[in-house]
Amino acid sequence: MTIDDYLAALADPLREIGEKLTPVITAALPGATGAMWHGHPVWSLGDRPGQRPVCLVKAYDSYVTFGLWRGREIADGSGRLEPAARAMAVVKLRGVADIDPALFTDWLRAAAALEEA
């Protein structure tokens, strides 16, 4: 299964969220590899899925989680990132209006810089 297959299999509005979010991710992480890992899309700085992971997208019944592997280390003036397992932080997206491309790009670049350090 590819990321496109994963998104295509989602019902609206989850599919619309994924289709709006993934171009933001790929634009903010031009050198990253996007692949399916543990059943959902993950973007990593390595050449294999899960090697230096930066972010993930995972759909649930009523929302899509956009997660940053080291998100707890990112300064978030918006207050939208919620602490998650280990060093992760996430935001739950219930509609395309929840996606802020400029904010998410800042988060992604900060997350990538942590992995590159």
N, C-alpha and C. Protein backbone atom coordinates (compact mmCIF):
# COMPACT_ATOMS: atom_id res chain seq x y z
N MET A 1 0.85 -1.18 0.00
CA MET A 1 0.00 0.00 0.00
C MET A 1 0.89 1.24 0.00
N THR A 2 0.50 2.24 -0.77
CA THR A 2 1.21 3.51 -0.82
C THR A 2 0.46 4.56 -0.01
N ILE A 3 1.08 5.71 0.18
CA ILE A 3 0.41 6.82 0.85
C ILE A 3 -0.84 7.22 0.08
N ASP A 4 -0.74 7.29 -1.24
CA ASP A 4 -1.91 7.63 -2.06
C ASP A 4 -3.03 6.62 -1.88
N ASP A 5 -2.70 5.32 -1.81
CA ASP A 5 -3.70 4.29 -1.56
C ASP A 5 -4.37 4.49 -0.20
N TYR A 6 -3.56 4.78 0.80
CA TYR A 6 -4.07 5.01 2.15
C TYR A 6 -5.08 6.15 2.14
N LEU A 7 -4.70 7.26 1.53
CA LEU A 7 -5.59 8.43 1.50
C LEU A 7 -6.86 8.14 0.69
N ALA A 8 -6.71 7.47 -0.43
CA ALA A 8 -7.86 7.17 -1.28
C ALA A 8 -8.88 6.29 -0.57
N ALA A 9 -8.43 5.46 0.35
CA ALA A 9 -9.33 4.55 1.06
C ALA A 9 -10.10 5.24 2.19
N LEU A 10 -9.73 6.47 2.54
CA LEU A 10 -10.41 7.18 3.62
C LEU A 10 -11.72 7.79 3.14
N ALA A 11 -12.69 7.83 4.03
CA ALA A 11 -13.95 8.50 3.73
C ALA A 11 -13.79 10.00 3.95
N ASP A 12 -14.62 10.78 3.27
CA ASP A 12 -14.64 12.23 3.52
C ASP A 12 -15.18 12.45 4.93
N PRO A 13 -14.76 13.44 5.66
CA PRO A 13 -13.78 14.47 5.32
C PRO A 13 -12.33 14.07 5.60
N LEU A 14 -12.11 12.86 6.09
CA LEU A 14 -10.75 12.45 6.42
C LEU A 14 -9.84 12.43 5.20
N ARG A 15 -10.37 11.97 4.06
CA ARG A 15 -9.58 11.96 2.83
C ARG A 15 -9.19 13.38 2.43
N GLU A 16 -10.13 14.30 2.52
CA GLU A 16 -9.84 15.69 2.16
C GLU A 16 -8.75 16.27 3.06
N ILE A 17 -8.79 15.93 4.34
CA ILE A 17 -7.76 16.40 5.27
C ILE A 17 -6.40 15.87 4.83
N GLY A 18 -6.32 14.57 4.57
CA GLY A 18 -5.06 13.98 4.14
C GLY A 18 -4.56 14.54 2.83
N GLU A 19 -5.48 14.78 1.90
CA GLU A 19 -5.08 15.32 0.60
C GLU A 19 -4.60 16.76 0.69
N LYS A 20 -5.07 17.52 1.67
CA LYS A 20 -4.59 18.88 1.85
C LYS A 20 -3.30 18.90 2.68
N LEU A 21 -3.17 17.96 3.60
CA LEU A 21 -2.02 17.94 4.50
C LEU A 21 -0.75 17.41 3.85
N THR A 22 -0.84 16.36 3.05
CA THR A 22 0.37 15.74 2.51
C THR A 22 1.20 16.67 1.63
N PRO A 23 0.60 17.53 0.80
CA PRO A 23 1.44 18.47 0.04
C PRO A 23 2.17 19.47 0.94
N VAL A 24 1.57 19.83 2.06
CA VAL A 24 2.24 20.72 3.02
C VAL A 24 3.49 20.02 3.56
N ILE A 25 3.33 18.74 3.89
CA ILE A 25 4.45 17.96 4.42
C ILE A 25 5.56 17.84 3.39
N THR A 26 5.22 17.44 2.17
CA THR A 26 6.26 17.23 1.15
C THR A 26 6.96 18.53 0.78
N ALA A 27 6.24 19.65 0.80
CA ALA A 27 6.88 20.94 0.50
C ALA A 27 7.82 21.37 1.63
N ALA A 28 7.44 21.10 2.87
CA ALA A 28 8.26 21.52 4.01
C ALA A 28 9.46 20.60 4.23
N LEU A 29 9.36 19.35 3.74
CA LEU A 29 10.43 18.36 3.93
C LEU A 29 10.90 17.84 2.58
N PRO A 30 11.54 18.68 1.77
CA PRO A 30 11.88 18.27 0.40
C PRO A 30 12.79 17.06 0.31
N GLY A 31 13.61 16.79 1.30
CA GLY A 31 14.51 15.65 1.23
C GLY A 31 13.99 14.41 1.93
N ALA A 32 12.78 14.48 2.46
CA ALA A 32 12.24 13.37 3.24
C ALA A 32 11.67 12.28 2.35
N THR A 33 11.63 11.08 2.90
CA THR A 33 11.03 9.93 2.24
C THR A 33 9.69 9.66 2.90
N GLY A 34 8.63 9.67 2.12
CA GLY A 34 7.31 9.33 2.63
C GLY A 34 6.99 7.89 2.28
N ALA A 35 6.54 7.13 3.27
CA ALA A 35 6.23 5.72 3.05
C ALA A 35 5.26 5.24 4.12
N MET A 36 4.67 4.10 3.86
CA MET A 36 3.80 3.47 4.85
C MET A 36 4.68 2.76 5.88
N TRP A 37 4.39 2.99 7.15
CA TRP A 37 5.14 2.36 8.23
C TRP A 37 4.17 2.10 9.37
N HIS A 38 4.06 0.88 9.81
CA HIS A 38 3.11 0.50 10.85
C HIS A 38 1.67 0.86 10.48
N GLY A 39 1.35 0.79 9.20
CA GLY A 39 -0.03 0.97 8.74
C GLY A 39 -0.48 2.37 8.43
N HIS A 40 0.41 3.35 8.53
CA HIS A 40 0.03 4.72 8.19
C HIS A 40 1.23 5.47 7.61
N PRO A 41 0.97 6.60 6.94
CA PRO A 41 2.06 7.37 6.32
C PRO A 41 3.00 8.00 7.35
N VAL A 42 4.29 7.87 7.06
CA VAL A 42 5.36 8.45 7.87
C VAL A 42 6.39 9.07 6.92
N TRP A 43 6.87 10.25 7.28
CA TRP A 43 7.93 10.90 6.51
C TRP A 43 9.19 10.89 7.36
N SER A 44 10.27 10.39 6.77
CA SER A 44 11.55 10.22 7.47
C SER A 44 12.66 10.87 6.67
N LEU A 45 13.74 11.21 7.37
CA LEU A 45 14.90 11.79 6.70
C LEU A 45 15.85 10.72 6.19
N GLY A 46 15.69 9.50 6.62
CA GLY A 46 16.51 8.40 6.11
C GLY A 46 15.92 7.84 4.83
N ASP A 47 16.62 6.88 4.25
CA ASP A 47 16.14 6.30 3.00
C ASP A 47 15.25 5.08 3.21
N ARG A 48 14.98 4.74 4.48
CA ARG A 48 14.07 3.63 4.80
C ARG A 48 12.97 4.17 5.70
N PRO A 49 11.76 3.61 5.60
CA PRO A 49 10.68 4.04 6.50
C PRO A 49 11.12 3.88 7.96
N GLY A 50 10.87 4.90 8.74
CA GLY A 50 11.20 4.86 10.15
C GLY A 50 12.62 5.24 10.50
N GLN A 51 13.46 5.47 9.50
CA GLN A 51 14.84 5.90 9.78
C GLN A 51 14.84 7.41 9.93
N ARG A 52 15.05 7.90 11.15
CA ARG A 52 14.97 9.32 11.48
C ARG A 52 13.59 9.89 11.10
N PRO A 53 12.51 9.32 11.68
CA PRO A 53 11.16 9.79 11.35
C PRO A 53 10.93 11.22 11.83
N VAL A 54 10.18 11.97 11.05
CA VAL A 54 9.87 13.36 11.38
C VAL A 54 8.40 13.50 11.73
N CYS A 55 7.52 12.95 10.89
CA CYS A 55 6.09 13.14 11.14
C CYS A 55 5.28 11.95 10.63
N LEU A 56 4.03 11.93 11.06
CA LEU A 56 3.10 10.88 10.62
C LEU A 56 1.72 11.48 10.41
N VAL A 57 0.92 10.75 9.66
CA VAL A 57 -0.49 11.06 9.46
C VAL A 57 -1.24 9.76 9.73
N LYS A 58 -2.22 9.82 10.63
CA LYS A 58 -2.97 8.60 10.95
C LYS A 58 -4.44 8.95 11.12
N ALA A 59 -5.28 8.26 10.34
CA ALA A 59 -6.71 8.51 10.39
C ALA A 59 -7.39 7.64 11.43
N TYR A 60 -8.34 8.23 12.12
CA TYR A 60 -9.21 7.54 13.07
C TYR A 60 -10.65 7.72 12.58
N ASP A 61 -11.63 7.36 13.37
CA ASP A 61 -13.01 7.43 12.91
C ASP A 61 -13.49 8.85 12.59
N SER A 62 -13.11 9.82 13.42
CA SER A 62 -13.66 11.17 13.24
C SER A 62 -12.60 12.25 13.10
N TYR A 63 -11.33 11.88 13.02
CA TYR A 63 -10.27 12.87 12.86
C TYR A 63 -9.02 12.22 12.29
N VAL A 64 -8.10 13.08 11.88
CA VAL A 64 -6.78 12.65 11.41
C VAL A 64 -5.75 13.23 12.38
N THR A 65 -4.86 12.38 12.84
CA THR A 65 -3.77 12.85 13.69
C THR A 65 -2.58 13.20 12.82
N PHE A 66 -2.05 14.40 13.03
CA PHE A 66 -0.80 14.82 12.44
C PHE A 66 0.19 14.87 13.60
N GLY A 67 1.19 13.99 13.55
CA GLY A 67 2.12 13.87 14.66
C GLY A 67 3.54 14.17 14.27
N LEU A 68 4.27 14.73 15.21
CA LEU A 68 5.68 15.03 15.04
C LEU A 68 6.46 14.21 16.06
N TRP A 69 7.42 13.42 15.57
CA TRP A 69 8.15 12.48 16.42
C TRP A 69 8.77 13.15 17.63
N ARG A 70 9.38 14.29 17.42
CA ARG A 70 10.03 15.01 18.53
C ARG A 70 9.29 16.32 18.80
N GLY A 71 7.99 16.26 18.65
CA GLY A 71 7.16 17.45 18.77
C GLY A 71 7.20 18.15 20.11
N ARG A 72 7.48 17.40 21.18
CA ARG A 72 7.55 18.04 22.50
C ARG A 72 8.74 18.98 22.61
N GLU A 73 9.71 18.82 21.70
CA GLU A 73 10.89 19.68 21.72
C GLU A 73 10.71 20.94 20.87
N ILE A 74 9.58 21.07 20.23
CA ILE A 74 9.32 22.20 19.35
C ILE A 74 8.57 23.29 20.11
N ALA A 75 9.04 24.53 19.97
CA ALA A 75 8.34 25.67 20.56
C ALA A 75 7.03 25.86 19.80
N ASP A 76 5.92 25.84 20.51
CA ASP A 76 4.61 25.97 19.87
C ASP A 76 3.81 27.09 20.53
N GLY A 77 3.97 28.28 20.00
CA GLY A 77 3.24 29.42 20.51
C GLY A 77 1.74 29.34 20.29
N SER A 78 1.31 28.48 19.36
CA SER A 78 -0.12 28.36 19.06
C SER A 78 -0.86 27.56 20.14
N GLY A 79 -0.13 26.71 20.86
CA GLY A 79 -0.76 25.86 21.86
C GLY A 79 -1.54 24.70 21.28
N ARG A 80 -1.42 24.47 20.00
CA ARG A 80 -2.20 23.40 19.34
C ARG A 80 -1.58 22.02 19.48
N LEU A 81 -0.25 21.94 19.61
CA LEU A 81 0.38 20.64 19.72
C LEU A 81 0.12 20.05 21.11
N GLU A 82 -0.38 18.82 21.12
CA GLU A 82 -0.67 18.13 22.38
C GLU A 82 0.39 17.06 22.62
N PRO A 83 0.91 16.96 23.83
CA PRO A 83 1.89 15.91 24.13
C PRO A 83 1.29 14.53 23.86
N ALA A 84 2.12 13.64 23.37
CA ALA A 84 1.71 12.27 23.08
C ALA A 84 2.79 11.34 23.61
N ALA A 85 2.79 10.11 23.16
CA ALA A 85 3.75 9.10 23.64
C ALA A 85 5.19 9.55 23.42
N ARG A 86 6.01 9.19 24.37
CA ARG A 86 7.44 9.48 24.35
C ARG A 86 7.69 10.97 24.09
N ALA A 87 8.41 11.30 23.04
CA ALA A 87 8.73 12.71 22.73
C ALA A 87 7.77 13.31 21.72
N MET A 88 6.75 12.55 21.33
CA MET A 88 5.84 13.01 20.28
C MET A 88 4.89 14.10 20.76
N ALA A 89 4.41 14.87 19.78
CA ALA A 89 3.31 15.81 19.99
C ALA A 89 2.43 15.71 18.76
N VAL A 90 1.14 15.90 18.95
CA VAL A 90 0.17 15.71 17.87
C VAL A 90 -0.85 16.83 17.85
N VAL A 91 -1.52 16.92 16.73
CA VAL A 91 -2.70 17.78 16.60
C VAL A 91 -3.76 16.95 15.90
N LYS A 92 -4.99 17.03 16.39
CA LYS A 92 -6.11 16.29 15.80
C LYS A 92 -6.84 17.21 14.83
N LEU A 93 -6.98 16.72 13.60
CA LEU A 93 -7.59 17.51 12.54
C LEU A 93 -8.97 16.92 12.22
N ARG A 94 -10.01 17.72 12.38
CA ARG A 94 -11.37 17.25 12.13
C ARG A 94 -11.95 17.79 10.83
N GLY A 95 -11.25 18.73 10.21
CA GLY A 95 -11.66 19.30 8.94
C GLY A 95 -10.48 20.01 8.29
N VAL A 96 -10.58 20.32 7.00
CA VAL A 96 -9.47 20.96 6.31
C VAL A 96 -9.17 22.35 6.89
N ALA A 97 -10.15 22.97 7.51
CA ALA A 97 -9.93 24.29 8.12
C ALA A 97 -8.97 24.21 9.30
N ASP A 98 -8.77 23.02 9.84
CA ASP A 98 -7.83 22.83 10.96
C ASP A 98 -6.37 22.85 10.52
N ILE A 99 -6.14 22.80 9.22
CA ILE A 99 -4.77 22.79 8.69
C ILE A 99 -4.32 24.22 8.47
N ASP A 100 -3.24 24.59 9.11
CA ASP A 100 -2.62 25.90 8.95
C ASP A 100 -1.27 25.67 8.26
N PRO A 101 -1.21 25.81 6.93
CA PRO A 101 0.02 25.46 6.22
C PRO A 101 1.27 26.17 6.74
N ALA A 102 1.17 27.45 7.06
CA ALA A 102 2.36 28.18 7.54
C ALA A 102 2.81 27.65 8.90
N LEU A 103 1.89 27.44 9.82
CA LEU A 103 2.23 26.91 11.13
C LEU A 103 2.79 25.50 11.03
N PHE A 104 2.13 24.65 10.24
CA PHE A 104 2.59 23.27 10.10
C PHE A 104 3.96 23.21 9.44
N THR A 105 4.21 24.10 8.48
CA THR A 105 5.54 24.17 7.84
C THR A 105 6.60 24.54 8.86
N ASP A 106 6.30 25.50 9.72
CA ASP A 106 7.25 25.86 10.77
C ASP A 106 7.54 24.66 11.68
N TRP A 107 6.49 23.96 12.09
CA TRP A 107 6.68 22.77 12.94
C TRP A 107 7.54 21.73 12.24
N LEU A 108 7.22 21.46 10.96
CA LEU A 108 7.95 20.44 10.21
C LEU A 108 9.41 20.79 10.05
N ARG A 109 9.69 22.03 9.75
CA ARG A 109 11.09 22.45 9.60
C ARG A 109 11.84 22.35 10.92
N ALA A 110 11.17 22.71 12.01
CA ALA A 110 11.79 22.58 13.33
C ALA A 110 12.03 21.10 13.67
N ALA A 111 11.07 20.26 13.35
CA ALA A 111 11.22 18.82 13.60
C ALA A 111 12.35 18.22 12.76
N ALA A 112 12.45 18.63 11.51
CA ALA A 112 13.53 18.13 10.65
C ALA A 112 14.88 18.61 11.17
N ALA A 113 14.96 19.84 11.65
CA ALA A 113 16.22 20.36 12.17
C ALA A 113 16.67 19.57 13.39
N LEU A 114 15.74 19.11 14.22
CA LEU A 114 16.09 18.27 15.36
C LEU A 114 16.70 16.95 14.91
N GLU A 115 16.17 16.38 13.83
CA GLU A 115 16.69 15.12 13.32
C GLU A 115 18.04 15.29 12.61
N GLU A 116 18.27 16.46 12.06
CA GLU A 116 19.51 16.72 11.33
C GLU A 116 20.65 17.10 12.27
N ALA A 117 20.31 17.49 13.49
CA ALA A 117 21.34 17.93 14.44
C ALA A 117 22.19 16.78 14.93
